[in-house]
Amino acid sequence: MSSTSTSIVRLFAVSTVAALTLGITGCTVGEDEDSSSSSALAVALGDAPNQDVVDLYTDRDTAVAAAVEALPELIEKALEQTGVPGAAVAVVSNGEVVFEEGYGVRDMTTDEPVDVDTVFPIASLSKPLSSSIVAKAITEDDDLSWEDPVVEYLPDFALNDPYVTEHGKIADYFSHRTGIPTGAGDDLEDIGFDVDYIMAHMDQIPLASFRDTYQYSNFGLTVGGEAVAASRGQTWAETAQELLFEPLGMTSTTTLHDEYLAADDRAAMHARTGDGQYEQLFDRDADAEAPAGGVASTVGDIAKWMNMVLANGEVDGAEFIDPLVLANTYSAHSITGGDARNLTSRTSHYGFGMNVGSTVTGRVNINHSGAFGWGAATNATMIPDLNIGIVVLTNGAPSGVPEAIASEFVDLVEFGEETRPWLELWPERFAGFADPAGDLVGENPPTGAAAAGPAADYVGTYTSPYFGNFIVTDDNGTLTGALGPEGGYTFEIDPWDGDTLSFVPTGENALPGSLSSAVFVREGGQIAGVTLTYFNKFPGEHQEPNGLGVFTRAG
């Protein structure tokens, strides 16, 4: 899809995250016999052939009511089956909140219950909210556009390729087509760097091909958001509050981690430590990537946003966001998946901060999930044709619960029963999200391993243009490595095999059990550098070593 297209594109396919998509214009279903074709299979006809859908099993209102009635049992079953501590769920229908309830506990150490006012970190569900914030900014400013290059507002920002730096548009960053690899910048965030440092060092990141690859990137989308905030002379937090949260009455929503921590009724994060086992081990501060993953909110506040989207940008009957700008946001701009070897495999797409696909009945839908390995999983799904949406927020590490609840709810609306055992399929898909990371995971030092050199050989300062200083110190024969601002990210360095030592990385992408090598290199008998293997490769599939984790000795 050309990045310069300004038309309202309507290419819909199955999303890779959930089988759901968008359509700003829909058809009326199940209300008029004349709206259906005369074929044996009831087809509800839209204004155009690409809006025709398979009819519901009953009238629309009855279908939604029955699906809502089934939700409590479904939610309770999902929590019991997976062990996820707590969840809050809301459903909107025809502009009204028709379901809003909390289940389980918000903190396993206190057993305080989840209620409708519990504030959850929503992780990457922040992305579609951010796209609405940008759409509102464009609505208010005739000189601002999705087509604007980010360097127009961030003149000091640069990527590894001067052409991409000059031509990368806000639209490119929000649709993950700049070539910034998945995971780029996340590693700097994990060791404590803020957004300013991370954006200043993105010029070190090797890029994939511009505009013809899809590389899901938290800090790519963050750059797009920061550019819009800069166009207004504001921080992103100020822009989000002024343009979306305050006007919609989202009074419990914030992009600032300190404000989430200050909420009395907040859901603590719970990491998955075993099959069906969760513990409160970590706190995840996502301020550095606030537009991509830093929002905390309640299901009631997300419901207000969904109603605005489903009303084509209207609030209380008046235009809030230009519907053409909003439609462009939820149209297909990047191809995200599909099997080219199988003609029956539907292609999936991404808009600006949102998955774009269709249900099996042909109804367009939009959806996005959020996931923190340290303890949050979320999903929001909307079917504009039916004017319904569901949001599921949970306080356990990704296990497929939000996606399973949303998928079954949509099935119940369309068919009156589930089409697949979603509560089995989605947890299977998310099973690997708790896996440890690193090249030495599950390994032991080799038999007959060579002894490491004297501790003093490794002590010193090493530098990387991307990570900055890596400082190795010795305390009575125990080596410690320090990275990040003021050396605040530390780990012990243990013997493994000769000058290949080992360390335990920690962070959102390095869960318990992680283990990596630190390969020190000698020149003329002296240690001249080190490669921290975990930090030398992005976490996506088929990623090759990127060279960013190679440090040169400086002293």
Protein backbone atom coordinates (compact mmCIF):
# COMPACT_ATOMS: atom_id res chain seq x y z
CA MET A 1 0.00 0.00 0.00
CA SER A 2 1.46 3.35 -1.01
CA SER A 3 2.29 5.57 1.93
CA THR A 4 1.10 8.60 -0.03
CA SER A 5 -2.44 7.37 -0.49
CA THR A 6 -4.97 9.74 1.06
CA SER A 7 -8.06 7.75 0.15
CA ILE A 8 -10.09 5.81 2.68
CA VAL A 9 -8.72 2.36 1.98
CA ARG A 10 -10.95 -0.60 2.74
CA LEU A 11 -8.88 -3.75 2.46
CA PHE A 12 -9.98 -6.19 5.13
CA ALA A 13 -8.55 -9.55 6.16
CA VAL A 14 -8.06 -11.80 9.14
CA SER A 15 -5.79 -10.23 11.75
CA THR A 16 -2.86 -12.19 13.08
CA VAL A 17 -3.86 -11.31 16.64
CA ALA A 18 -7.60 -12.01 16.51
CA ALA A 19 -9.94 -12.64 13.61
CA LEU A 20 -11.46 -9.17 13.70
CA THR A 21 -11.47 -5.76 11.62
CA LEU A 22 -12.99 -2.33 10.75
CA GLY A 23 -15.53 -0.76 8.50
CA ILE A 24 -16.59 2.84 8.94
CA THR A 25 -19.68 2.24 6.79
CA GLY A 26 -21.60 -0.93 7.54
CA CYS A 27 -24.81 -2.62 6.63
CA THR A 28 -27.95 -3.14 8.67
CA VAL A 29 -28.24 -6.77 9.61
CA GLY A 30 -31.19 -8.88 10.61
CA GLU A 31 -33.71 -6.05 10.69
CA ASP A 32 -35.41 -6.26 7.30
CA GLU A 33 -36.19 -9.35 5.22
CA ASP A 34 -35.56 -7.35 2.05
CA SER A 35 -31.94 -6.77 3.11
CA SER A 36 -31.09 -10.44 2.53
CA SER A 37 -30.47 -12.23 -0.72
CA SER A 38 -32.69 -15.11 -1.82
CA SER A 39 -29.91 -17.72 -1.51
CA ALA A 40 -30.22 -20.59 0.99
CA LEU A 41 -27.47 -18.95 3.06
CA ALA A 42 -28.82 -15.66 4.38
CA VAL A 43 -26.67 -12.77 3.21
CA ALA A 44 -27.29 -9.25 4.46
CA LEU A 45 -26.65 -6.82 1.62
CA GLY A 46 -24.72 -3.64 2.26
CA ASP A 47 -24.52 -0.44 0.26
CA ALA A 48 -21.88 -2.09 -1.95
CA PRO A 49 -20.86 -5.71 -2.61
CA ASN A 50 -17.78 -5.40 -0.39
CA GLN A 51 -20.11 -4.63 2.53
CA ASP A 52 -22.25 -7.75 2.17
CA VAL A 53 -22.03 -10.10 5.14
CA VAL A 54 -23.44 -13.42 6.30
CA ASP A 55 -26.52 -12.70 8.37
CA LEU A 56 -26.63 -13.25 12.12
CA TYR A 57 -28.30 -16.36 13.52
CA THR A 58 -31.03 -14.13 14.99
CA ASP A 59 -31.80 -10.44 15.18
CA ARG A 60 -28.95 -8.18 16.23
CA ASP A 61 -30.24 -7.05 19.63
CA THR A 62 -31.14 -10.58 20.72
CA ALA A 63 -27.73 -11.86 19.63
CA VAL A 64 -25.85 -9.18 21.58
CA ALA A 65 -27.98 -9.64 24.69
CA ALA A 66 -27.43 -13.40 24.69
CA ALA A 67 -23.67 -12.98 24.24
CA VAL A 68 -23.53 -10.47 27.10
CA GLU A 69 -25.51 -12.81 29.36
CA ALA A 70 -22.96 -15.57 28.71
CA LEU A 71 -19.95 -13.40 29.57
CA PRO A 72 -19.73 -13.87 33.38
CA GLU A 73 -19.49 -17.65 33.13
CA LEU A 74 -16.97 -17.35 30.28
CA ILE A 75 -14.75 -14.91 32.19
CA GLU A 76 -14.81 -16.95 35.38
CA LYS A 77 -13.93 -20.09 33.44
CA ALA A 78 -11.02 -18.35 31.72
CA LEU A 79 -9.51 -17.15 35.01
CA GLU A 80 -10.00 -20.51 36.70
CA GLN A 81 -8.54 -22.47 33.79
CA THR A 82 -5.45 -20.30 33.32
CA GLY A 83 -4.76 -19.01 36.83
CA VAL A 84 -4.74 -15.36 35.72
CA PRO A 85 -5.41 -13.40 38.94
CA GLY A 86 -7.93 -10.83 37.75
CA ALA A 87 -9.80 -9.26 34.86
CA ALA A 88 -12.13 -6.39 34.07
CA VAL A 89 -14.41 -6.51 31.02
CA ALA A 90 -16.71 -3.98 29.36
CA VAL A 91 -18.98 -4.21 26.32
CA VAL A 92 -20.41 -1.30 24.34
CA SER A 93 -23.42 -1.61 22.06
CA ASN A 94 -25.13 1.14 20.06
CA GLY A 95 -23.30 3.80 22.04
CA GLU A 96 -24.12 2.40 25.48
CA VAL A 97 -22.08 0.43 28.00
CA VAL A 98 -24.14 -2.76 28.37
CA PHE A 99 -21.65 -4.75 30.46
CA GLU A 100 -18.95 -3.62 32.90
CA GLU A 101 -17.65 -5.95 35.61
CA GLY A 102 -14.53 -6.96 37.50
CA TYR A 103 -13.43 -10.50 38.41
CA GLY A 104 -10.73 -12.03 40.57
CA VAL A 105 -8.12 -10.07 42.50
CA ARG A 106 -6.08 -7.06 41.54
CA ASP A 107 -3.15 -8.06 43.77
CA MET A 108 -2.39 -11.62 44.83
CA THR A 109 -0.50 -10.42 47.91
CA THR A 110 -3.54 -8.61 49.32
CA ASP A 111 -6.46 -10.42 47.65
CA GLU A 112 -8.12 -7.06 46.99
CA PRO A 113 -10.79 -7.59 44.32
CA VAL A 114 -10.85 -6.20 40.81
CA ASP A 115 -13.76 -3.80 40.25
CA VAL A 116 -14.87 -1.59 37.37
CA ASP A 117 -12.64 1.25 38.61
CA THR A 118 -9.43 -0.80 38.79
CA VAL A 119 -6.63 0.79 36.75
CA PHE A 120 -4.61 -1.63 34.60
CA PRO A 121 -1.46 -1.12 32.55
CA ILE A 122 -2.81 -1.74 29.04
CA ALA A 123 0.56 -2.25 27.26
CA SER A 124 0.25 -2.16 23.46
CA LEU A 125 -3.46 -1.43 23.59
CA SER A 126 -1.99 2.07 24.02
CA LYS A 127 -1.23 2.13 20.29
CA PRO A 128 -4.79 2.54 18.95
CA LEU A 129 -5.51 5.18 21.60
CA SER A 130 -2.42 7.02 20.38
CA SER A 131 -3.62 6.83 16.79
CA SER A 132 -6.86 8.49 17.89
CA ILE A 133 -4.84 11.18 19.67
CA VAL A 134 -2.94 11.88 16.45
CA ALA A 135 -6.17 11.86 14.44
CA LYS A 136 -7.59 14.46 16.83
CA ALA A 137 -4.43 16.56 16.48
CA ILE A 138 -4.79 16.45 12.68
CA THR A 139 -8.46 17.39 12.99
CA GLU A 140 -7.51 20.48 14.98
CA ASP A 141 -4.49 21.52 12.88
CA ASP A 142 -4.92 21.98 9.12
CA ASP A 143 -1.13 22.08 8.73
CA LEU A 144 -0.62 18.65 10.33
CA SER A 145 -0.98 15.40 8.38
CA TRP A 146 -0.21 11.69 8.59
CA GLU A 147 1.92 12.40 5.50
CA ASP A 148 4.29 14.80 7.28
CA PRO A 149 7.91 13.60 7.69
CA VAL A 150 8.76 13.29 11.39
CA VAL A 151 11.93 15.34 10.91
CA GLU A 152 9.70 18.32 10.16
CA TYR A 153 8.94 18.34 13.88
CA LEU A 154 11.99 16.44 15.20
CA PRO A 155 14.83 18.01 13.18
CA ASP A 156 17.59 16.34 15.22
CA PHE A 157 16.14 12.83 14.91
CA ALA A 158 17.89 10.37 12.61
CA LEU A 159 17.77 6.73 11.60
CA ASN A 160 20.55 4.60 10.16
CA ASP A 161 19.57 5.44 6.57
CA PRO A 162 19.54 9.14 5.57
CA TYR A 163 16.79 8.52 3.01
CA VAL A 164 14.47 6.99 5.60
CA THR A 165 15.35 9.78 8.03
CA GLU A 166 14.34 12.40 5.46
CA HIS A 167 11.25 10.68 4.06
CA GLY A 168 9.83 8.66 6.97
CA LYS A 169 6.33 9.99 7.63
CA ILE A 170 4.18 9.89 10.75
CA ALA A 171 2.10 7.33 8.84
CA ASP A 172 5.16 5.11 8.28
CA TYR A 173 6.00 5.05 11.98
CA PHE A 174 2.42 4.29 13.04
CA SER A 175 2.09 1.43 10.51
CA HIS A 176 5.45 -0.21 11.35
CA ARG A 177 6.90 0.11 7.84
CA THR A 178 10.02 2.20 8.47
CA GLY A 179 12.23 -0.89 8.68
CA ILE A 180 13.02 -0.41 12.39
CA PRO A 181 13.34 -4.03 13.60
CA THR A 182 10.98 -5.48 16.17
CA GLY A 183 12.57 -5.02 19.58
CA ALA A 184 14.83 -2.14 18.57
CA GLY A 185 15.01 0.34 21.42
CA ASP A 186 13.26 -2.06 23.80
CA ASP A 187 16.69 -3.25 24.90
CA LEU A 188 17.73 0.29 25.83
CA GLU A 189 14.46 0.75 27.73
CA ASP A 190 15.06 -2.52 29.62
CA ILE A 191 18.35 -1.24 31.01
CA GLY A 192 16.84 2.05 32.13
CA PHE A 193 17.32 4.63 29.39
CA ASP A 194 14.62 7.26 28.79
CA VAL A 195 12.94 8.19 25.53
CA ASP A 196 15.40 11.02 24.78
CA TYR A 197 18.42 8.72 24.97
CA ILE A 198 16.70 5.98 23.00
CA MET A 199 15.58 8.26 20.16
CA ALA A 200 19.04 9.85 20.04
CA HIS A 201 20.61 6.42 19.48
CA MET A 202 18.18 4.94 16.96
CA ASP A 203 20.58 6.01 14.23
CA GLN A 204 22.74 3.03 15.27
CA ILE A 205 20.02 0.45 14.50
CA PRO A 206 20.36 -1.45 11.20
CA LEU A 207 17.13 -1.11 9.22
CA ALA A 208 15.12 -3.55 7.13
CA SER A 209 13.76 -2.43 3.77
CA PHE A 210 11.75 0.79 3.89
CA ARG A 211 7.98 0.56 3.27
CA ASP A 212 7.93 -3.00 1.95
CA THR A 213 8.46 -4.86 5.23
CA TYR A 214 6.36 -4.96 8.38
CA GLN A 215 8.45 -4.69 11.55
CA TYR A 216 6.31 -4.19 14.67
CA SER A 217 8.21 -1.53 16.59
CA ASN A 218 7.34 0.09 19.92
CA PHE A 219 9.86 2.85 19.48
CA GLY A 220 9.00 3.37 15.83
CA LEU A 221 5.43 4.23 16.80
CA THR A 222 6.75 6.25 19.75
CA VAL A 223 8.76 8.43 17.36
CA GLY A 224 5.56 9.15 15.40
CA GLY A 225 3.75 10.16 18.58
CA GLU A 226 6.60 12.32 19.82
CA ALA A 227 6.67 14.14 16.47
CA VAL A 228 2.99 15.06 16.83
CA ALA A 229 3.53 16.24 20.41
CA ALA A 230 6.49 18.34 19.24
CA SER A 231 4.32 19.92 16.53
CA ARG A 232 2.17 21.26 19.36
CA GLY A 233 5.06 22.29 21.63
CA GLN A 234 3.95 19.73 24.21
CA THR A 235 5.03 16.51 25.85
CA TRP A 236 3.21 13.37 24.76
CA ALA A 237 1.51 13.17 28.16
CA GLU A 238 0.16 16.72 27.71
CA THR A 239 -1.02 15.98 24.18
CA ALA A 240 -2.81 12.79 25.20
CA GLN A 241 -4.52 14.44 28.15
CA GLU A 242 -5.62 17.52 26.22
CA LEU A 243 -6.79 15.84 23.03
CA LEU A 244 -8.36 12.57 24.17
CA PHE A 245 -8.46 11.74 27.86
CA GLU A 246 -9.97 14.99 29.14
CA PRO A 247 -12.54 15.55 26.33
CA LEU A 248 -13.83 11.97 26.55
CA GLY A 249 -13.98 12.01 30.35
CA MET A 250 -11.32 9.31 30.66
CA THR A 251 -10.52 10.50 34.16
CA SER A 252 -8.68 7.34 35.26
CA THR A 253 -6.41 7.16 32.21
CA THR A 254 -2.78 8.29 32.13
CA THR A 255 0.42 7.86 30.15
CA LEU A 256 2.59 8.45 33.24
CA HIS A 257 3.74 5.48 35.32
CA ASP A 258 3.92 7.53 38.53
CA GLU A 259 0.22 8.38 38.17
CA TYR A 260 -0.61 4.69 37.72
CA LEU A 261 1.37 3.88 40.89
CA ALA A 262 -0.49 6.62 42.76
CA ALA A 263 -3.90 5.09 41.98
CA ASP A 264 -5.40 3.46 45.07
CA ASP A 265 -7.39 0.99 42.98
CA ARG A 266 -4.74 -0.38 40.61
CA ALA A 267 -3.98 -3.85 39.33
CA ALA A 268 -0.53 -5.14 40.22
CA MET A 269 1.38 -7.05 37.54
CA HIS A 270 1.80 -10.81 37.92
CA ALA A 271 4.43 -12.79 36.03
CA ARG A 272 3.78 -16.38 34.95
CA THR A 273 6.10 -18.68 36.91
CA GLY A 274 4.65 -22.02 35.86
CA ASP A 275 1.60 -23.65 34.33
CA GLY A 276 -1.32 -21.75 35.85
CA GLN A 277 0.98 -20.08 38.38
CA TYR A 278 1.42 -16.31 38.74
CA GLU A 279 3.43 -14.19 41.15
CA GLN A 280 3.83 -10.47 41.71
CA LEU A 281 7.53 -10.07 40.96
CA PHE A 282 8.01 -6.94 38.87
CA ASP A 283 6.83 -3.43 38.14
CA ARG A 284 6.93 -2.27 34.52
CA ASP A 285 7.62 1.41 33.87
CA ALA A 286 6.82 2.04 30.19
CA ASP A 287 7.15 5.84 30.20
CA ALA A 288 9.90 5.71 27.58
CA GLU A 289 7.49 4.18 25.06
CA ALA A 290 4.34 5.89 26.31
CA PRO A 291 2.60 6.24 22.90
CA ALA A 292 3.22 2.56 22.17
CA GLY A 293 2.73 0.91 25.54
CA GLY A 294 2.63 3.34 28.45
CA VAL A 295 -1.09 3.93 29.03
CA ALA A 296 -2.87 2.77 32.20
CA SER A 297 -6.66 2.81 32.18
CA THR A 298 -9.95 1.24 33.24
CA VAL A 299 -12.46 -0.71 31.15
CA GLY A 300 -14.94 2.12 31.59
CA ASP A 301 -12.53 4.66 30.11
CA ILE A 302 -11.64 2.36 27.21
CA ALA A 303 -15.39 1.90 26.60
CA LYS A 304 -15.73 5.68 26.16
CA TRP A 305 -13.01 5.61 23.52
CA MET A 306 -14.58 2.63 21.72
CA ASN A 307 -17.94 4.40 21.55
CA MET A 308 -16.26 7.41 19.95
CA VAL A 309 -14.57 5.21 17.34
CA LEU A 310 -17.76 3.27 16.60
CA ALA A 311 -19.61 6.59 16.16
CA ASN A 312 -17.20 7.55 13.36
CA GLY A 313 -15.50 10.12 15.55
CA GLU A 314 -18.62 11.68 17.04
CA VAL A 315 -19.17 12.42 20.73
CA ASP A 316 -22.68 13.27 21.92
CA GLY A 317 -23.79 13.62 18.31
CA ALA A 318 -21.14 16.19 17.39
CA GLU A 319 -17.96 15.69 15.37
CA PHE A 320 -14.97 15.16 17.63
CA ILE A 321 -12.52 13.69 15.12
CA ASP A 322 -12.80 14.19 11.36
CA PRO A 323 -14.32 10.88 10.16
CA LEU A 324 -12.07 10.83 7.09
CA VAL A 325 -8.96 11.14 9.27
CA LEU A 326 -10.29 8.43 11.60
CA ALA A 327 -11.14 6.13 8.67
CA ASN A 328 -7.60 6.49 7.36
CA THR A 329 -6.36 5.48 10.80
CA TYR A 330 -8.33 2.22 10.80
CA SER A 331 -7.70 1.28 7.18
CA ALA A 332 -5.16 -1.28 5.99
CA HIS A 333 -1.69 0.17 5.41
CA SER A 334 0.73 -2.71 6.04
CA ILE A 335 0.55 -6.42 5.28
CA THR A 336 1.24 -8.27 8.51
CA GLY A 337 0.70 -11.91 7.66
CA GLY A 338 -0.65 -14.64 5.44
CA ASP A 339 0.72 -17.77 3.81
CA ALA A 340 1.78 -17.09 0.23
CA ARG A 341 1.94 -20.86 -0.36
CA ASN A 342 -1.72 -21.35 0.51
CA LEU A 343 -4.35 -19.52 -1.52
CA THR A 344 -6.97 -20.20 1.16
CA SER A 345 -4.98 -18.22 3.75
CA ARG A 346 -6.36 -14.71 4.13
CA THR A 347 -3.89 -11.84 4.40
CA SER A 348 -3.84 -9.76 7.57
CA HIS A 349 -3.18 -6.03 7.78
CA TYR A 350 -2.24 -3.21 10.13
CA GLY A 351 -3.58 0.32 10.04
CA PHE A 352 -2.19 3.16 12.12
CA GLY A 353 -1.81 1.53 15.53
CA MET A 354 -4.50 -1.10 14.97
CA ASN A 355 -4.94 -4.57 13.48
CA VAL A 356 -7.36 -4.60 10.55
CA GLY A 357 -9.15 -7.79 9.54
CA SER A 358 -12.53 -9.50 9.17
CA THR A 359 -14.60 -12.12 10.90
CA VAL A 360 -15.55 -15.32 9.09
CA THR A 361 -18.94 -13.77 8.28
CA GLY A 362 -17.24 -10.96 6.38
CA ARG A 363 -17.80 -8.28 9.00
CA VAL A 364 -14.92 -5.88 9.21
CA ASN A 365 -13.36 -5.46 12.62
CA ILE A 366 -10.51 -3.70 14.34
CA ASN A 367 -8.59 -4.99 17.31
CA HIS A 368 -5.38 -4.76 19.26
CA SER A 369 -3.83 -6.70 22.10
CA GLY A 370 -1.35 -5.59 24.73
CA ALA A 371 1.20 -7.76 26.50
CA PHE A 372 3.83 -7.24 29.18
CA GLY A 373 5.77 -10.38 30.03
CA TRP A 374 6.10 -8.99 33.54
CA GLY A 375 2.37 -9.15 34.07
CA ALA A 376 -0.28 -7.56 31.85
CA ALA A 377 -2.46 -8.78 28.97
CA THR A 378 -5.23 -6.83 27.25
CA ASN A 379 -7.42 -6.74 24.16
CA ALA A 380 -10.02 -4.47 22.61
CA THR A 381 -12.11 -5.61 19.66
CA MET A 382 -14.72 -3.65 17.72
CA ILE A 383 -17.19 -4.72 15.01
CA PRO A 384 -18.40 -1.43 13.50
CA ASP A 385 -21.01 -3.13 11.32
CA LEU A 386 -22.79 -4.27 14.50
CA ASN A 387 -21.79 -1.19 16.54
CA ILE A 388 -20.33 -3.34 19.31
CA GLY A 389 -17.01 -3.49 21.09
CA ILE A 390 -15.45 -5.46 23.92
CA VAL A 391 -12.41 -4.66 26.06
CA VAL A 392 -10.69 -7.15 28.35
CA LEU A 393 -7.95 -6.05 30.78
CA THR A 394 -6.04 -8.59 32.89
CA ASN A 395 -3.19 -8.42 35.40
CA GLY A 396 -1.37 -11.62 34.46
CA ALA A 397 1.41 -12.21 31.96
CA PRO A 398 0.18 -12.99 28.42
CA SER A 399 -1.78 -16.23 28.36
CA GLY A 400 -4.41 -15.65 25.68
CA VAL A 401 -7.24 -14.88 28.12
CA PRO A 402 -8.25 -11.46 26.67
CA GLU A 403 -8.14 -12.80 23.11
CA ALA A 404 -10.12 -15.94 24.02
CA ILE A 405 -12.86 -13.93 25.75
CA ALA A 406 -13.12 -11.47 22.86
CA SER A 407 -13.10 -14.22 20.22
CA GLU A 408 -15.81 -16.23 21.94
CA PHE A 409 -17.93 -13.13 22.52
CA VAL A 410 -17.85 -12.31 18.82
CA ASP A 411 -18.71 -15.93 17.98
CA LEU A 412 -21.66 -15.82 20.34
CA VAL A 413 -22.96 -12.65 18.71
CA GLU A 414 -22.61 -13.95 15.17
CA PHE A 415 -23.44 -17.65 15.60
CA GLY A 416 -24.89 -18.16 19.06
CA GLU A 417 -22.06 -20.58 19.84
CA GLU A 418 -18.29 -20.75 19.62
CA THR A 419 -16.73 -21.89 16.34
CA ARG A 420 -13.46 -23.03 17.91
CA PRO A 421 -12.32 -23.84 21.46
CA TRP A 422 -10.77 -20.41 21.91
CA LEU A 423 -9.85 -20.99 25.55
CA GLU A 424 -7.62 -23.83 24.39
CA LEU A 425 -6.24 -22.25 21.20
CA TRP A 426 -5.23 -18.81 22.47
CA PRO A 427 -3.34 -20.05 25.57
CA GLU A 428 -1.43 -22.43 23.29
CA ARG A 429 -0.41 -19.53 21.10
CA PHE A 430 0.82 -17.52 24.08
CA ALA A 431 2.59 -20.43 25.79
CA GLY A 432 6.03 -19.19 24.73
CA PHE A 433 5.59 -15.68 26.13
CA ALA A 434 6.99 -16.77 29.50
CA ASP A 435 10.05 -18.44 27.98
CA PRO A 436 13.48 -17.27 29.13
CA ALA A 437 15.90 -15.68 26.67
CA GLY A 438 19.59 -16.04 25.86
CA ASP A 439 21.92 -18.39 24.01
CA LEU A 440 22.78 -20.42 27.14
CA VAL A 441 19.24 -21.12 28.39
CA GLY A 442 18.99 -24.69 29.67
CA GLU A 443 22.71 -25.27 29.19
CA ASN A 444 25.50 -26.16 31.60
CA PRO A 445 29.17 -25.27 31.21
CA PRO A 446 30.77 -27.77 28.82
CA THR A 447 32.56 -30.79 30.22
CA GLY A 448 36.23 -29.97 30.52
CA ALA A 449 35.58 -26.24 30.20
CA ALA A 450 38.71 -24.09 30.24
CA ALA A 451 39.28 -21.92 33.28
CA ALA A 452 38.55 -18.23 33.01
CA GLY A 453 41.42 -15.79 33.24
CA PRO A 454 42.19 -13.83 36.40
CA ALA A 455 39.33 -11.50 37.36
CA ALA A 456 41.60 -8.52 36.85
CA ASP A 457 41.85 -9.37 33.14
CA TYR A 458 38.19 -8.49 32.60
CA VAL A 459 37.87 -5.47 34.87
CA GLY A 460 37.52 -2.21 32.98
CA THR A 461 35.26 0.03 30.91
CA TYR A 462 33.94 -1.05 27.54
CA THR A 463 31.96 1.12 25.13
CA SER A 464 29.30 0.72 22.48
CA PRO A 465 27.90 3.54 20.31
CA TYR A 466 24.41 2.20 21.10
CA PHE A 467 24.48 1.02 24.71
CA GLY A 468 27.14 3.41 25.99
CA ASN A 469 29.47 2.22 28.76
CA PHE A 470 29.66 -1.32 30.11
CA ILE A 471 31.70 -1.34 33.30
CA VAL A 472 33.10 -4.55 34.80
CA THR A 473 34.22 -4.52 38.43
CA ASP A 474 35.67 -7.14 40.77
CA ASP A 475 34.71 -7.73 44.38
CA ASN A 476 36.83 -10.51 45.92
CA GLY A 477 36.82 -12.52 42.72
CA THR A 478 33.16 -11.90 41.83
CA LEU A 479 32.77 -9.98 38.59
CA THR A 480 29.84 -7.58 38.13
CA GLY A 481 28.76 -5.89 34.90
CA ALA A 482 26.92 -2.55 34.85
CA LEU A 483 24.98 -0.97 31.99
CA GLY A 484 22.51 1.86 31.58
CA PRO A 485 22.26 5.31 33.15
CA GLU A 486 24.65 5.60 36.10
CA GLY A 487 25.36 1.88 35.76
CA GLY A 488 22.02 1.02 37.31
CA TYR A 489 21.45 -2.24 35.38
CA THR A 490 23.79 -4.78 36.99
CA PHE A 491 24.44 -8.51 36.82
CA GLU A 492 27.05 -10.95 38.03
CA ILE A 493 29.42 -12.42 35.44
CA ASP A 494 30.26 -16.06 36.06
CA PRO A 495 32.79 -18.50 34.57
CA TRP A 496 31.61 -20.67 31.67
CA ASP A 497 34.35 -21.72 29.26
CA GLY A 498 37.63 -19.81 29.13
CA ASP A 499 37.04 -16.20 28.09
CA THR A 500 33.39 -16.97 27.38
CA LEU A 501 31.64 -16.05 30.61
CA SER A 502 27.93 -16.03 31.45
CA PHE A 503 25.37 -13.63 32.90
CA VAL A 504 21.64 -13.49 33.64
CA PRO A 505 19.88 -10.73 31.69
CA THR A 506 16.70 -9.30 33.19
CA GLY A 507 13.89 -7.17 31.83
CA GLU A 508 10.62 -7.29 29.92
CA ASN A 509 12.22 -9.47 27.25
CA ALA A 510 14.38 -11.58 29.57
CA LEU A 511 12.11 -13.43 31.96
CA PRO A 512 13.22 -15.71 34.83
CA GLY A 513 15.54 -18.49 33.64
CA SER A 514 17.32 -16.33 31.06
CA LEU A 515 21.04 -16.92 30.56
CA SER A 516 23.47 -15.45 28.04
CA SER A 517 27.12 -15.57 27.15
CA ALA A 518 29.57 -12.70 27.48
CA VAL A 519 32.32 -13.45 24.99
CA PHE A 520 35.52 -11.60 25.84
CA VAL A 521 38.14 -11.21 23.10
CA ARG A 522 41.89 -11.08 23.62
CA GLU A 523 44.41 -9.30 21.47
CA GLY A 524 48.09 -9.82 22.33
CA GLY A 525 47.05 -11.58 25.51
CA GLN A 526 44.99 -8.61 26.73
CA ILE A 527 41.17 -8.39 26.82
CA ALA A 528 40.26 -5.93 24.06
CA GLY A 529 36.49 -6.23 23.90
CA VAL A 530 33.38 -8.23 24.72
CA THR A 531 30.17 -9.27 22.99
CA LEU A 532 27.11 -9.49 25.24
CA THR A 533 25.25 -12.03 23.13
CA TYR A 534 21.78 -11.33 24.53
CA PHE A 535 22.16 -7.65 23.66
CA ASN A 536 23.57 -8.37 20.20
CA LYS A 537 20.36 -9.65 18.63
CA PHE A 538 16.77 -8.44 18.54
CA PRO A 539 14.18 -10.93 19.84
CA GLY A 540 12.13 -11.38 16.65
CA GLU A 541 12.20 -14.57 14.62
CA HIS A 542 15.09 -15.07 12.19
CA GLN A 543 16.96 -12.01 13.48
CA GLU A 544 20.70 -12.07 12.84
CA PRO A 545 23.30 -10.57 15.21
CA ASN A 546 23.11 -6.81 14.76
CA GLY A 547 26.50 -5.78 16.16
CA LEU A 548 24.98 -3.45 18.73
CA GLY A 549 26.05 -5.66 21.63
CA VAL A 550 29.75 -5.56 20.68
CA PHE A 551 31.77 -3.45 23.13
CA THR A 552 35.32 -2.17 22.73
CA ARG A 553 37.59 -1.79 25.74
CA ALA A 554 38.19 1.85 26.59
CA GLY A 555 40.07 1.55 29.84
